[in-house]
Structures are given as C-alpha cells and as structure tokens.
Amino acid sequence: MIRTERKVVEILRILKEHQEPVGAKRLSELMAERGFVLSDRAVQYYLRYLDEMGFTNKVGNHGRVLTERGRSETDKALVDDRMGFIISKLERLAFRSTFNPRTMTGDVAYNLTVVPEERLDEVRTAFDAVIGAGCGFFSHYRVVDRHPRVPSGSVGIMTVCSITMDGVFQHHGIPVRVAYGGTLRVRDGTASEFADLIGYRGTTIDPLALFISSGLTSIGSMISTGTGVGLANIRQVPGSAEAQVKDLIGAMQRAGFVFPVTMGLEVFNAPPDPFRLSIVAFSGMNMAGYCRELGIPLTTEIGAGNIPYARIVDSG
C-alpha cells in the first residue's frame, strides 16, 4: 500500500480517471484545480518515482497511464484520505456549472456513459423509456462518437448530472449540500420511501454507482408497472430560502429538468432537519441503471465534466 504524501496519491487518482495518457503539463493543471500547486518539473519528479515503483508507464511523448499494479494500489491507498473525495469532486463541478435557467445559457455538469456501438439503439430505447416515465433528471441526452474518453468501437452518451442543480442554487446565493444518495421505492406511480441511503460525505465511492453494481434497483419494473426501486438524491438548502428555491426550480423545469420528486423539512423516511429544506430528485443515473438491468454492457463516469447547455439540447 502506498504510504507517501498525498500529492502522489492525487496524481494516481487523476491518471485513473483518464483512459488516455496524461502529460506532465496537464497533470500540473489538474493538480492545481485540486489545491496542489506543482511545477511541471516537480510533476516529472513524481512521475519518475511512480515509474520506478511500477505504478505508471510512459506512452511515448503522450504522457503516463496507470499500470495494473498502479490501479490496484490506487484503489487501496489511503482509504481515510479518500473519504469525502466524491463530494469534493461534485462540489468542483457545481462551482463550474454556470447554467442560468432563465436565459437557458451557460454550462451544465454531465455524466458520460460509454456503450458498444452495436448496442446503441437498445440503449437509446432504454434511455427514452426512463425519460418517458419521468424518473430521470433531464429530458434530453446527447450521443457523441468523438470524445477523448470514448474508445474506438464505442459510443458516448452525455446526460445532465444532478449536480447542475447545486450550481444554479450556488450562483443565486443559496447554500446547498448533497446529503444522500439512495434507492427510492415507488408504488403505483407514487414514491413512498427510501430503501437505502448513503451519505456522500462518508463514502469513498459514489453511492448510486454502488447501488447499480449491487443490483439494488428495479427500474424496469418501475417504468412498466409503476412499482419498483429507482435511484434518487437528497439535497439540503436553508429552510428560509424556500420561496427562492421554488422559483428557480420552476425555471429549471421550463428548461427541461425533471424534479423534484418532493421537498420539505421532512421527506419520506429520511432523517429530518427542522432548519433545512430537503429536495428529493430522481437521478439521471436511472438511465444507466436500467441498461444494466437489461444486461447491456456499459460504463458511466459520474460527473465527467461541464459542457454548454446547448450541446445537450441541440439535436444537430
């Protein structure tokens, strides 16, 4: 297990998030975004160390990639330090989400799902079914065949990440925090209770990805019969901001967003907070979750980055 300073672990994390080689200059930029200011030369020093340890491999002049040993060590490294990593990543995406629901301009956060080219029609049918059933987060998605993280023979699908909501609230002066990710039970078309909840600030992996991989959803049943288990998030804002929040939600709904499931000081069987308004929203990850239930192979990077809103809604 790696027992060295956090800069090394952070470099390994960045490399793990990228399928393509990453050069020292780009690593220096990405490290700075995470609060580690390093010169290109300093990054080169760390990379030589990681090469010697067998954790990274140089690919010509293109940069470094993780080796299998490096990937394994990264997964095991500093579990306590990884606590809160997911939420910090989402908070960065929220800060960069500049979407203005009233003008329908600016950037939204997105998830990137990668599927085999030959399964694209099946995937689109599944995504459309989730949207049609009203259990997604946004009413559009975008298919892309050219993306640095989409390998040959595959197609990428961009879906709007719910962290976009956080960006909208923050840019309007409303403090917001992602509190929980959960599986939400729906009976006869009406959400009733959470089956499971995981707090974002106490996990080393995204809760929704965990629920999908564990087979804890029944999104297909929810779509076809109105009864099943889907993926949802809980966000919390100050109770005193309720009027402004409702106004912003209305504007986002007119822009194609599909939320909330419900909101209030008490929501379903989640822990109540007398001072904070909880907002429950279905996750866009229900699309990927439904495909998994159908046996379609895919990978999804939650919070892959930020893109202009127009790129999602533009059908061209």
C-alpha atoms as a PDB file:
ATOM      1  CA  MET A   1       0.000   0.000   0.000  1.00  0.00           C
ATOM      2  CA  ILE A   2       1.344   3.394  -0.902  1.00  0.00           C
ATOM      3  CA  ARG A   3       2.442   5.269   2.185  1.00  0.00           C
ATOM      4  CA  THR A   4       3.707   8.576   0.909  1.00  0.00           C
ATOM      5  CA  GLU A   5       2.454  12.130   0.658  1.00  0.00           C
ATOM      6  CA  ARG A   6      -0.962  12.973  -0.725  1.00  0.00           C
ATOM      7  CA  LYS A   7       0.412  14.550  -3.888  1.00  0.00           C
ATOM      8  CA  VAL A   8       1.435  11.129  -5.178  1.00  0.00           C
ATOM      9  CA  VAL A   9      -1.974   9.655  -4.412  1.00  0.00           C
ATOM     10  CA  GLU A  10      -3.676  12.572  -6.147  1.00  0.00           C
ATOM     11  CA  ILE A  11      -1.580  12.052  -9.287  1.00  0.00           C
ATOM     12  CA  LEU A  12      -2.575   8.393  -9.313  1.00  0.00           C
ATOM     13  CA  ARG A  13      -6.239   9.335  -8.908  1.00  0.00           C
ATOM     14  CA  ILE A  14      -6.068  11.700 -11.865  1.00  0.00           C
ATOM     15  CA  LEU A  15      -4.459   9.053 -14.048  1.00  0.00           C
ATOM     16  CA  LYS A  16      -7.130   6.566 -13.014  1.00  0.00           C
ATOM     17  CA  GLU A  17      -9.861   8.984 -14.127  1.00  0.00           C
ATOM     18  CA  HIS A  18      -8.372   9.213 -17.635  1.00  0.00           C
ATOM     19  CA  GLN A  19      -8.243   6.383 -20.135  1.00  0.00           C
ATOM     20  CA  GLU A  20      -5.837   8.278 -22.385  1.00  0.00           C
ATOM     21  CA  PRO A  21      -2.219   9.175 -21.415  1.00  0.00           C
ATOM     22  CA  VAL A  22      -1.824  12.401 -19.419  1.00  0.00           C
ATOM     23  CA  GLY A  23       1.273  14.562 -19.767  1.00  0.00           C
ATOM     24  CA  ALA A  24       3.130  16.441 -17.033  1.00  0.00           C
ATOM     25  CA  LYS A  25       1.804  19.858 -18.082  1.00  0.00           C
ATOM     26  CA  ARG A  26      -1.816  18.686 -17.983  1.00  0.00           C
ATOM     27  CA  LEU A  27      -1.206  16.884 -14.687  1.00  0.00           C
ATOM     28  CA  SER A  28       0.169  20.108 -13.230  1.00  0.00           C
ATOM     29  CA  GLU A  29      -3.025  21.935 -14.286  1.00  0.00           C
ATOM     30  CA  LEU A  30      -5.306  19.234 -12.867  1.00  0.00           C
ATOM     31  CA  MET A  31      -3.333  19.124  -9.610  1.00  0.00           C
ATOM     32  CA  ALA A  32      -3.726  22.891  -9.256  1.00  0.00           C
ATOM     33  CA  GLU A  33      -7.504  22.502  -9.591  1.00  0.00           C
ATOM     34  CA  ARG A  34      -7.362  20.174  -6.591  1.00  0.00           C
ATOM     35  CA  GLY A  35      -5.307  22.540  -4.481  1.00  0.00           C
ATOM     36  CA  PHE A  36      -1.810  21.145  -5.166  1.00  0.00           C
ATOM     37  CA  VAL A  37       0.395  23.725  -6.873  1.00  0.00           C
ATOM     38  CA  LEU A  38       3.270  21.884  -8.585  1.00  0.00           C
ATOM     39  CA  SER A  39       5.558  22.918 -11.407  1.00  0.00           C
ATOM     40  CA  ASP A  40       5.882  20.711 -14.479  1.00  0.00           C
ATOM     41  CA  ARG A  41       9.339  19.786 -13.210  1.00  0.00           C
ATOM     42  CA  ALA A  42       8.003  18.721  -9.827  1.00  0.00           C
ATOM     43  CA  VAL A  43       5.334  16.600 -11.522  1.00  0.00           C
ATOM     44  CA  GLN A  44       8.059  14.982 -13.649  1.00  0.00           C
ATOM     45  CA  TYR A  45       9.921  14.090 -10.445  1.00  0.00           C
ATOM     46  CA  TYR A  46       6.866  12.340  -9.015  1.00  0.00           C
ATOM     47  CA  LEU A  47       6.198  10.568 -12.318  1.00  0.00           C
ATOM     48  CA  ARG A  48       9.748   9.167 -12.436  1.00  0.00           C
ATOM     49  CA  TYR A  49       9.228   7.872  -8.907  1.00  0.00           C
ATOM     50  CA  LEU A  50       5.927   6.250  -9.909  1.00  0.00           C
ATOM     51  CA  ASP A  51       7.568   4.710 -12.998  1.00  0.00           C
ATOM     52  CA  GLU A  52      10.276   3.174 -10.798  1.00  0.00           C
ATOM     53  CA  MET A  53       7.619   1.775  -8.465  1.00  0.00           C
ATOM     54  CA  GLY A  54       5.860   0.161 -11.420  1.00  0.00           C
ATOM     55  CA  PHE A  55       2.672   2.185 -10.859  1.00  0.00           C
ATOM     56  CA  THR A  56       2.816   4.183 -14.115  1.00  0.00           C
ATOM     57  CA  ASN A  57       4.010   3.639 -17.641  1.00  0.00           C
ATOM     58  CA  LYS A  58       5.195   6.237 -20.155  1.00  0.00           C
ATOM     59  CA  VAL A  59       3.468   6.100 -23.565  1.00  0.00           C
ATOM     60  CA  GLY A  60       5.894   7.765 -25.964  1.00  0.00           C
ATOM     61  CA  ASN A  61       5.574  11.547 -25.765  1.00  0.00           C
ATOM     62  CA  HIS A  62       1.858  11.384 -24.921  1.00  0.00           C
ATOM     63  CA  GLY A  63       2.190  11.055 -21.168  1.00  0.00           C
ATOM     64  CA  ARG A  64       1.595   8.430 -18.483  1.00  0.00           C
ATOM     65  CA  VAL A  65      -1.042   5.794 -17.859  1.00  0.00           C
ATOM     66  CA  LEU A  66      -1.616   3.625 -14.812  1.00  0.00           C
ATOM     67  CA  THR A  67      -0.339   0.075 -14.863  1.00  0.00           C
ATOM     68  CA  GLU A  68      -2.459  -2.711 -13.406  1.00  0.00           C
ATOM     69  CA  ARG A  69      -0.285  -2.572 -10.307  1.00  0.00           C
ATOM     70  CA  GLY A  70      -0.795   1.174 -10.090  1.00  0.00           C
ATOM     71  CA  ARG A  71      -4.549   0.815 -10.453  1.00  0.00           C
ATOM     72  CA  SER A  72      -4.644  -1.784  -7.688  1.00  0.00           C
ATOM     73  CA  GLU A  73      -2.513   0.322  -5.367  1.00  0.00           C
ATOM     74  CA  THR A  74      -4.610   3.417  -6.048  1.00  0.00           C
ATOM     75  CA  ASP A  75      -7.757   1.554  -5.028  1.00  0.00           C
ATOM     76  CA  LYS A  76      -6.166   0.565  -1.741  1.00  0.00           C
ATOM     77  CA  ALA A  77      -4.293   3.766  -0.985  1.00  0.00           C
ATOM     78  CA  LEU A  78      -5.232   5.950   1.940  1.00  0.00           C
ATOM     79  CA  VAL A  79      -8.852   4.989   2.403  1.00  0.00           C
ATOM     80  CA  ASP A  80      -9.235   7.607   5.121  1.00  0.00           C
ATOM     81  CA  ASP A  81      -7.912  10.270   2.745  1.00  0.00           C
ATOM     82  CA  ARG A  82     -10.407   9.151   0.082  1.00  0.00           C
ATOM     83  CA  MET A  83     -13.290   9.880   2.455  1.00  0.00           C
ATOM     84  CA  GLY A  84     -15.042  12.864   1.018  1.00  0.00           C
ATOM     85  CA  PHE A  85     -13.271  12.598  -2.356  1.00  0.00           C
ATOM     86  CA  ILE A  86     -16.565  12.041  -4.184  1.00  0.00           C
ATOM     87  CA  ILE A  87     -18.259  15.053  -2.622  1.00  0.00           C
ATOM     88  CA  SER A  88     -15.255  17.297  -3.292  1.00  0.00           C
ATOM     89  CA  LYS A  89     -15.317  16.297  -6.963  1.00  0.00           C
ATOM     90  CA  LEU A  90     -19.031  17.071  -7.191  1.00  0.00           C
ATOM     91  CA  GLU A  91     -18.535  20.411  -5.466  1.00  0.00           C
ATOM     92  CA  ARG A  92     -15.937  21.384  -8.094  1.00  0.00           C
ATOM     93  CA  LEU A  93     -18.390  20.505 -10.858  1.00  0.00           C
ATOM     94  CA  ALA A  94     -21.129  22.519  -9.165  1.00  0.00           C
ATOM     95  CA  PHE A  95     -18.870  25.565  -8.942  1.00  0.00           C
ATOM     96  CA  ARG A  96     -18.147  25.295 -12.680  1.00  0.00           C
ATOM     97  CA  SER A  97     -21.811  24.843 -13.590  1.00  0.00           C
ATOM     98  CA  THR A  98     -22.790  28.303 -14.799  1.00  0.00           C
ATOM     99  CA  PHE A  99     -26.216  27.408 -16.206  1.00  0.00           C
ATOM    100  CA  ASN A 100     -28.817  30.181 -15.955  1.00  0.00           C
ATOM    101  CA  PRO A 101     -32.306  28.651 -16.164  1.00  0.00           C
ATOM    102  CA  ARG A 102     -33.941  31.947 -17.079  1.00  0.00           C
ATOM    103  CA  THR A 103     -31.768  32.576 -20.135  1.00  0.00           C
ATOM    104  CA  MET A 104     -31.093  28.861 -20.747  1.00  0.00           C
ATOM    105  CA  THR A 105     -27.404  29.587 -21.248  1.00  0.00           C
ATOM    106  CA  GLY A 106     -24.215  28.524 -19.513  1.00  0.00           C
ATOM    107  CA  ASP A 107     -22.594  25.216 -18.633  1.00  0.00           C
ATOM    108  CA  VAL A 108     -24.164  22.147 -17.033  1.00  0.00           C
ATOM    109  CA  ALA A 109     -22.430  19.192 -15.373  1.00  0.00           C
ATOM    110  CA  TYR A 110     -22.675  15.918 -17.254  1.00  0.00           C
ATOM    111  CA  ASN A 111     -22.248  12.181 -16.834  1.00  0.00           C
ATOM    112  CA  LEU A 112     -20.605  10.167 -19.621  1.00  0.00           C
ATOM    113  CA  THR A 113     -21.876   6.683 -20.432  1.00  0.00           C
ATOM    114  CA  VAL A 114     -19.823   4.554 -22.851  1.00  0.00           C
ATOM    115  CA  VAL A 115     -21.587   1.726 -24.726  1.00  0.00           C
ATOM    116  CA  PRO A 116     -20.665  -0.609 -27.623  1.00  0.00           C
ATOM    117  CA  GLU A 117     -21.668   0.874 -30.994  1.00  0.00           C
ATOM    118  CA  GLU A 118     -23.789  -2.159 -31.860  1.00  0.00           C
ATOM    119  CA  ARG A 119     -25.923  -1.730 -28.707  1.00  0.00           C
ATOM    120  CA  LEU A 120     -26.646   1.976 -29.200  1.00  0.00           C
ATOM    121  CA  ASP A 121     -30.226   1.512 -30.440  1.00  0.00           C
ATOM    122  CA  GLU A 122     -31.068  -0.609 -27.370  1.00  0.00           C
ATOM    123  CA  VAL A 123     -29.511   1.956 -25.079  1.00  0.00           C
ATOM    124  CA  ARG A 124     -31.417   4.834 -26.662  1.00  0.00           C
ATOM    125  CA  THR A 125     -34.677   2.900 -26.274  1.00  0.00           C
ATOM    126  CA  ALA A 126     -33.886   2.360 -22.586  1.00  0.00           C
ATOM    127  CA  PHE A 127     -32.914   5.998 -22.025  1.00  0.00           C
ATOM    128  CA  ASP A 128     -36.107   7.178 -23.758  1.00  0.00           C
ATOM    129  CA  ALA A 129     -38.174   4.859 -21.552  1.00  0.00           C
ATOM    130  CA  VAL A 130     -36.683   6.375 -18.387  1.00  0.00           C
ATOM    131  CA  ILE A 131     -37.380   9.890 -19.656  1.00  0.00           C
ATOM    132  CA  GLY A 132     -40.906   8.940 -20.692  1.00  0.00           C
ATOM    133  CA  ALA A 133     -41.629   7.524 -17.248  1.00  0.00           C
ATOM    134  CA  GLY A 134     -40.497  10.760 -15.583  1.00  0.00           C
ATOM    135  CA  CYS A 135     -37.809   9.083 -13.496  1.00  0.00           C
ATOM    136  CA  GLY A 136     -34.782  10.791 -14.997  1.00  0.00           C
ATOM    137  CA  PHE A 137     -33.314  14.170 -14.102  1.00  0.00           C
ATOM    138  CA  PHE A 138     -33.354  15.851 -17.516  1.00  0.00           C
ATOM    139  CA  SER A 139     -35.469  15.382 -20.633  1.00  0.00           C
ATOM    140  CA  HIS A 140     -32.611  15.194 -23.165  1.00  0.00           C
ATOM    141  CA  TYR A 141     -29.312  13.405 -23.715  1.00  0.00           C
ATOM    142  CA  ARG A 142     -26.619  13.684 -26.358  1.00  0.00           C
ATOM    143  CA  VAL A 143     -24.905  10.894 -28.305  1.00  0.00           C
ATOM    144  CA  VAL A 144     -21.257  11.624 -29.137  1.00  0.00           C
ATOM    145  CA  ASP A 145     -18.937   9.485 -31.229  1.00  0.00           C
ATOM    146  CA  ARG A 146     -15.911  11.700 -30.707  1.00  0.00           C
ATOM    147  CA  HIS A 147     -14.751  12.168 -27.146  1.00  0.00           C
ATOM    148  CA  PRO A 148     -11.285  11.686 -25.638  1.00  0.00           C
ATOM    149  CA  ARG A 149     -12.682   9.166 -23.151  1.00  0.00           C
ATOM    150  CA  VAL A 150     -14.670   7.130 -25.682  1.00  0.00           C
ATOM    151  CA  PRO A 151     -12.573   4.282 -27.152  1.00  0.00           C
ATOM    152  CA  SER A 152     -12.811   3.021 -30.716  1.00  0.00           C
ATOM    153  CA  GLY A 153     -15.834   0.787 -31.313  1.00  0.00           C
ATOM    154  CA  SER A 154     -17.849   2.542 -28.621  1.00  0.00           C
ATOM    155  CA  VAL A 155     -20.215   5.497 -28.430  1.00  0.00           C
ATOM    156  CA  GLY A 156     -20.546   8.040 -25.650  1.00  0.00           C
ATOM    157  CA  ILE A 157     -23.810   9.396 -24.274  1.00  0.00           C
ATOM    158  CA  MET A 158     -23.852  12.621 -22.280  1.00  0.00           C
ATOM    159  CA  THR A 159     -26.594  13.029 -19.694  1.00  0.00           C
ATOM    160  CA  VAL A 160     -27.079  16.032 -17.420  1.00  0.00           C
ATOM    161  CA  CYS A 161     -25.792  15.389 -13.901  1.00  0.00           C
ATOM    162  CA  SER A 162     -27.973  16.498 -10.997  1.00  0.00           C
ATOM    163  CA  ILE A 163     -25.019  18.451  -9.584  1.00  0.00           C
ATOM    164  CA  THR A 164     -26.111  21.117 -12.089  1.00  0.00           C
ATOM    165  CA  MET A 165     -28.869  21.965  -9.615  1.00  0.00           C
ATOM    166  CA  ASP A 166     -26.248  22.772  -6.991  1.00  0.00           C
ATOM    167  CA  GLY A 167     -24.514  25.149  -9.374  1.00  0.00           C
ATOM    168  CA  VAL A 168     -27.761  27.008 -10.087  1.00  0.00           C
ATOM    169  CA  PHE A 169     -28.521  27.416  -6.386  1.00  0.00           C
ATOM    170  CA  GLN A 170     -24.983  28.490  -5.519  1.00  0.00           C
ATOM    171  CA  HIS A 171     -24.839  31.116  -8.256  1.00  0.00           C
ATOM    172  CA  HIS A 172     -28.048  32.570  -6.828  1.00  0.00           C
ATOM    173  CA  GLY A 173     -26.559  32.788  -3.333  1.00  0.00           C
ATOM    174  CA  ILE A 174     -28.283  29.708  -1.870  1.00  0.00           C
ATOM    175  CA  PRO A 175     -26.023  27.354   0.128  1.00  0.00           C
ATOM    176  CA  VAL A 176     -26.668  23.743  -0.889  1.00  0.00           C
ATOM    177  CA  ARG A 177     -25.199  20.391   0.007  1.00  0.00           C
ATOM    178  CA  VAL A 178     -25.621  16.936  -1.463  1.00  0.00           C
ATOM    179  CA  ALA A 179     -26.670  14.965   1.593  1.00  0.00           C
ATOM    180  CA  TYR A 180     -27.576  11.427   0.475  1.00  0.00           C
ATOM    181  CA  GLY A 181     -27.764   9.095  -2.461  1.00  0.00           C
ATOM    182  CA  GLY A 182     -30.425   6.429  -2.153  1.00  0.00           C
ATOM    183  CA  THR A 183     -32.749   3.860  -3.635  1.00  0.00           C
ATOM    184  CA  LEU A 184     -36.314   5.155  -3.666  1.00  0.00           C
ATOM    185  CA  ARG A 185     -39.317   2.814  -3.574  1.00  0.00           C
ATOM    186  CA  VAL A 186     -42.208   3.706  -5.886  1.00  0.00           C
ATOM    187  CA  ARG A 187     -45.651   2.092  -5.588  1.00  0.00           C
ATOM    188  CA  ASP A 188     -48.361   2.609  -8.201  1.00  0.00           C
ATOM    189  CA  GLY A 189     -46.522   5.587  -9.640  1.00  0.00           C
ATOM    190  CA  THR A 190     -46.012   7.339  -6.290  1.00  0.00           C
ATOM    191  CA  ALA A 191     -42.715   7.490  -4.403  1.00  0.00           C
ATOM    192  CA  SER A 192     -43.177   6.123  -0.884  1.00  0.00           C
ATOM    193  CA  GLU A 193     -39.897   5.649   0.999  1.00  0.00           C
ATOM    194  CA  PHE A 194     -36.154   5.160   0.729  1.00  0.00           C
ATOM    195  CA  ALA A 195     -34.965   1.568   0.824  1.00  0.00           C
ATOM    196  CA  ASP A 196     -31.320   2.591   1.354  1.00  0.00           C
ATOM    197  CA  LEU A 197     -29.410   5.826   1.954  1.00  0.00           C
ATOM    198  CA  ILE A 198     -25.672   6.565   1.916  1.00  0.00           C
ATOM    199  CA  GLY A 199     -24.241   9.914   2.988  1.00  0.00           C
ATOM    200  CA  TYR A 200     -21.966  11.456   0.373  1.00  0.00           C
ATOM    201  CA  ARG A 201     -19.510  12.795   2.939  1.00  0.00           C
ATOM    202  CA  GLY A 202     -18.761   9.389   4.412  1.00  0.00           C
ATOM    203  CA  THR A 203     -18.070   7.296   1.329  1.00  0.00           C
ATOM    204  CA  THR A 204     -15.104   6.584  -0.930  1.00  0.00           C
ATOM    205  CA  ILE A 205     -17.266   5.700  -3.959  1.00  0.00           C
ATOM    206  CA  ASP A 206     -20.398   7.208  -5.455  1.00  0.00           C
ATOM    207  CA  PRO A 207     -23.470   5.729  -3.715  1.00  0.00           C
ATOM    208  CA  LEU A 208     -25.504   5.486  -6.934  1.00  0.00           C
ATOM    209  CA  ALA A 209     -22.783   3.524  -8.715  1.00  0.00           C
ATOM    210  CA  LEU A 210     -22.704   1.176  -5.727  1.00  0.00           C
ATOM    211  CA  PHE A 211     -26.479   0.641  -5.819  1.00  0.00           C
ATOM    212  CA  ILE A 212     -26.372  -0.150  -9.541  1.00  0.00           C
ATOM    213  CA  SER A 213     -23.480  -2.597  -9.285  1.00  0.00           C
ATOM    214  CA  SER A 214     -25.149  -4.306  -6.291  1.00  0.00           C
ATOM    215  CA  GLY A 215     -28.357  -4.945  -8.235  1.00  0.00           C
ATOM    216  CA  LEU A 216     -30.488  -2.986  -5.757  1.00  0.00           C
ATOM    217  CA  THR A 217     -32.687  -1.298  -8.377  1.00  0.00           C
ATOM    218  CA  SER A 218     -35.781  -2.410 -10.276  1.00  0.00           C
ATOM    219  CA  ILE A 219     -36.075   0.498 -12.682  1.00  0.00           C
ATOM    220  CA  GLY A 220     -37.580  -1.624 -15.444  1.00  0.00           C
ATOM    221  CA  SER A 221     -40.464  -2.615 -13.197  1.00  0.00           C
ATOM    222  CA  MET A 222     -40.907   0.993 -12.114  1.00  0.00           C
ATOM    223  CA  ILE A 223     -41.225   2.001 -15.780  1.00  0.00           C
ATOM    224  CA  SER A 224     -43.542  -0.802 -16.899  1.00  0.00           C
ATOM    225  CA  THR A 225     -45.804  -1.204 -13.848  1.00  0.00           C
ATOM    226  CA  GLY A 226     -45.297   1.986 -11.827  1.00  0.00           C
ATOM    227  CA  THR A 227     -43.906  -0.045  -8.935  1.00  0.00           C
ATOM    228  CA  GLY A 228     -40.198  -0.554  -8.370  1.00  0.00           C
ATOM    229  CA  VAL A 229     -36.992   0.918  -6.984  1.00  0.00           C
ATOM    230  CA  GLY A 230     -35.088   3.781  -8.607  1.00  0.00           C
ATOM    231  CA  LEU A 231     -32.116   5.990  -7.825  1.00  0.00           C
ATOM    232  CA  ALA A 232     -32.537   9.395  -6.174  1.00  0.00           C
ATOM    233  CA  ASN A 233     -30.544  12.065  -4.344  1.00  0.00           C
ATOM    234  CA  ILE A 234     -31.350  14.299  -1.399  1.00  0.00           C
ATOM    235  CA  ARG A 235     -30.050  17.856  -1.337  1.00  0.00           C
ATOM    236  CA  GLN A 236     -30.483  20.279   1.512  1.00  0.00           C
ATOM    237  CA  VAL A 237     -30.836  24.080   1.478  1.00  0.00           C
ATOM    238  CA  PRO A 238     -31.731  26.564   4.228  1.00  0.00           C
ATOM    239  CA  GLY A 239     -35.450  26.482   5.004  1.00  0.00           C
ATOM    240  CA  SER A 240     -35.567  30.263   4.751  1.00  0.00           C
ATOM    241  CA  ALA A 241     -34.679  30.017   1.037  1.00  0.00           C
ATOM    242  CA  GLU A 242     -37.811  28.027   0.153  1.00  0.00           C
ATOM    243  CA  ALA A 243     -39.508  30.723  -1.928  1.00  0.00           C
ATOM    244  CA  GLN A 244     -36.401  31.444  -3.985  1.00  0.00           C
ATOM    245  CA  VAL A 245     -35.703  27.725  -4.418  1.00  0.00           C
ATOM    246  CA  LYS A 246     -39.213  27.081  -5.728  1.00  0.00           C
ATOM    247  CA  ASP A 247     -38.826  29.945  -8.188  1.00  0.00           C
ATOM    248  CA  LEU A 248     -35.536  28.537  -9.503  1.00  0.00           C
ATOM    249  CA  ILE A 249     -36.959  25.028  -9.725  1.00  0.00           C
ATOM    250  CA  GLY A 250     -39.835  26.345 -11.832  1.00  0.00           C
ATOM    251  CA  ALA A 251     -37.370  28.000 -14.211  1.00  0.00           C
ATOM    252  CA  MET A 252     -35.317  24.791 -14.438  1.00  0.00           C
ATOM    253  CA  GLN A 253     -38.430  22.741 -15.178  1.00  0.00           C
ATOM    254  CA  ARG A 254     -39.208  25.039 -18.110  1.00  0.00           C
ATOM    255  CA  ALA A 255     -35.662  24.375 -19.350  1.00  0.00           C
ATOM    256  CA  GLY A 256     -36.233  20.602 -19.401  1.00  0.00           C
ATOM    257  CA  PHE A 257     -35.270  19.496 -15.895  1.00  0.00           C
ATOM    258  CA  VAL A 258     -37.489  16.914 -14.189  1.00  0.00           C
ATOM    259  CA  PHE A 259     -37.526  17.412 -10.419  1.00  0.00           C
ATOM    260  CA  PRO A 260     -38.333  17.410  -7.548  1.00  0.00           C
ATOM    261  CA  VAL A 261     -39.992  14.179  -6.509  1.00  0.00           C
ATOM    262  CA  THR A 262     -40.839  16.009  -3.289  1.00  0.00           C
ATOM    263  CA  MET A 263     -39.364  18.616  -0.955  1.00  0.00           C
ATOM    264  CA  GLY A 264     -39.863  19.662   2.659  1.00  0.00           C
ATOM    265  CA  LEU A 265     -38.365  19.720   6.141  1.00  0.00           C
ATOM    266  CA  GLU A 266     -39.268  16.021   6.355  1.00  0.00           C
ATOM    267  CA  VAL A 267     -39.133  13.791   3.276  1.00  0.00           C
ATOM    268  CA  PHE A 268     -40.230  10.169   3.363  1.00  0.00           C
ATOM    269  CA  ASN A 269     -38.218   8.214   5.947  1.00  0.00           C
ATOM    270  CA  ALA A 270     -35.012  10.253   5.585  1.00  0.00           C
ATOM    271  CA  PRO A 271     -33.510  11.905   8.699  1.00  0.00           C
ATOM    272  CA  PRO A 272     -35.428  15.173   9.236  1.00  0.00           C
ATOM    273  CA  ASP A 273     -33.815  18.575   9.725  1.00  0.00           C
ATOM    274  CA  PRO A 274     -36.026  21.337  11.199  1.00  0.00           C
ATOM    275  CA  PHE A 275     -33.847  24.063   9.670  1.00  0.00           C
ATOM    276  CA  ARG A 276     -33.089  22.652   6.235  1.00  0.00           C
ATOM    277  CA  LEU A 277     -35.317  22.027   3.257  1.00  0.00           C
ATOM    278  CA  SER A 278     -34.666  18.624   1.689  1.00  0.00           C
ATOM    279  CA  ILE A 279     -35.084  18.282  -2.072  1.00  0.00           C
ATOM    280  CA  VAL A 280     -35.536  14.767  -3.467  1.00  0.00           C
ATOM    281  CA  ALA A 281     -34.761  14.297  -7.159  1.00  0.00           C
ATOM    282  CA  PHE A 282     -34.536  11.233  -9.360  1.00  0.00           C
ATOM    283  CA  SER A 283     -31.037  10.732 -10.702  1.00  0.00           C
ATOM    284  CA  GLY A 284     -30.034  10.735 -14.356  1.00  0.00           C
ATOM    285  CA  MET A 285     -28.189   7.521 -13.430  1.00  0.00           C
ATOM    286  CA  ASN A 286     -31.541   5.713 -13.683  1.00  0.00           C
ATOM    287  CA  MET A 287     -30.800   5.557 -17.417  1.00  0.00           C
ATOM    288  CA  ALA A 288     -27.544   3.673 -16.918  1.00  0.00           C
ATOM    289  CA  GLY A 289     -29.120   1.596 -14.159  1.00  0.00           C
ATOM    290  CA  TYR A 290     -31.935   0.445 -16.437  1.00  0.00           C
ATOM    291  CA  CYS A 291     -29.426  -0.576 -19.125  1.00  0.00           C
ATOM    292  CA  ARG A 292     -27.550  -2.638 -16.547  1.00  0.00           C
ATOM    293  CA  GLU A 293     -30.798  -4.375 -15.615  1.00  0.00           C
ATOM    294  CA  LEU A 294     -31.259  -5.216 -19.315  1.00  0.00           C
ATOM    295  CA  GLY A 295     -27.795  -6.759 -19.461  1.00  0.00           C
ATOM    296  CA  ILE A 296     -26.315  -4.090 -21.715  1.00  0.00           C
ATOM    297  CA  PRO A 297     -22.589  -3.632 -21.015  1.00  0.00           C
ATOM    298  CA  LEU A 298     -21.627  -0.046 -20.288  1.00  0.00           C
ATOM    299  CA  THR A 299     -19.518   2.183 -18.093  1.00  0.00           C
ATOM    300  CA  THR A 300     -20.573   5.537 -16.670  1.00  0.00           C
ATOM    301  CA  GLU A 301     -18.368   8.285 -15.316  1.00  0.00           C
ATOM    302  CA  ILE A 302     -20.459  10.299 -12.880  1.00  0.00           C
ATOM    303  CA  GLY A 303     -19.552  13.967 -13.053  1.00  0.00           C
ATOM    304  CA  ALA A 304     -17.374  13.677 -16.153  1.00  0.00           C
ATOM    305  CA  GLY A 305     -17.135  17.444 -16.630  1.00  0.00           C
ATOM    306  CA  ASN A 306     -19.019  20.565 -17.702  1.00  0.00           C
ATOM    307  CA  ILE A 307     -20.383  21.445 -21.151  1.00  0.00           C
ATOM    308  CA  PRO A 308     -22.650  24.152 -22.593  1.00  0.00           C
ATOM    309  CA  TYR A 309     -26.357  23.520 -22.042  1.00  0.00           C
ATOM    310  CA  ALA A 310     -26.927  23.972 -25.793  1.00  0.00           C
ATOM    311  CA  ARG A 311     -24.809  20.900 -26.558  1.00  0.00           C
ATOM    312  CA  ILE A 312     -27.254  18.696 -24.675  1.00  0.00           C
ATOM    313  CA  VAL A 313     -30.483  20.080 -26.094  1.00  0.00           C
ATOM    314  CA  ASP A 314     -29.218  20.678 -29.663  1.00  0.00           C
ATOM    315  CA  SER A 315     -30.314  17.743 -31.788  1.00  0.00           C
ATOM    316  CA  GLY A 316     -27.916  18.627 -34.580  1.00  0.00           C
END
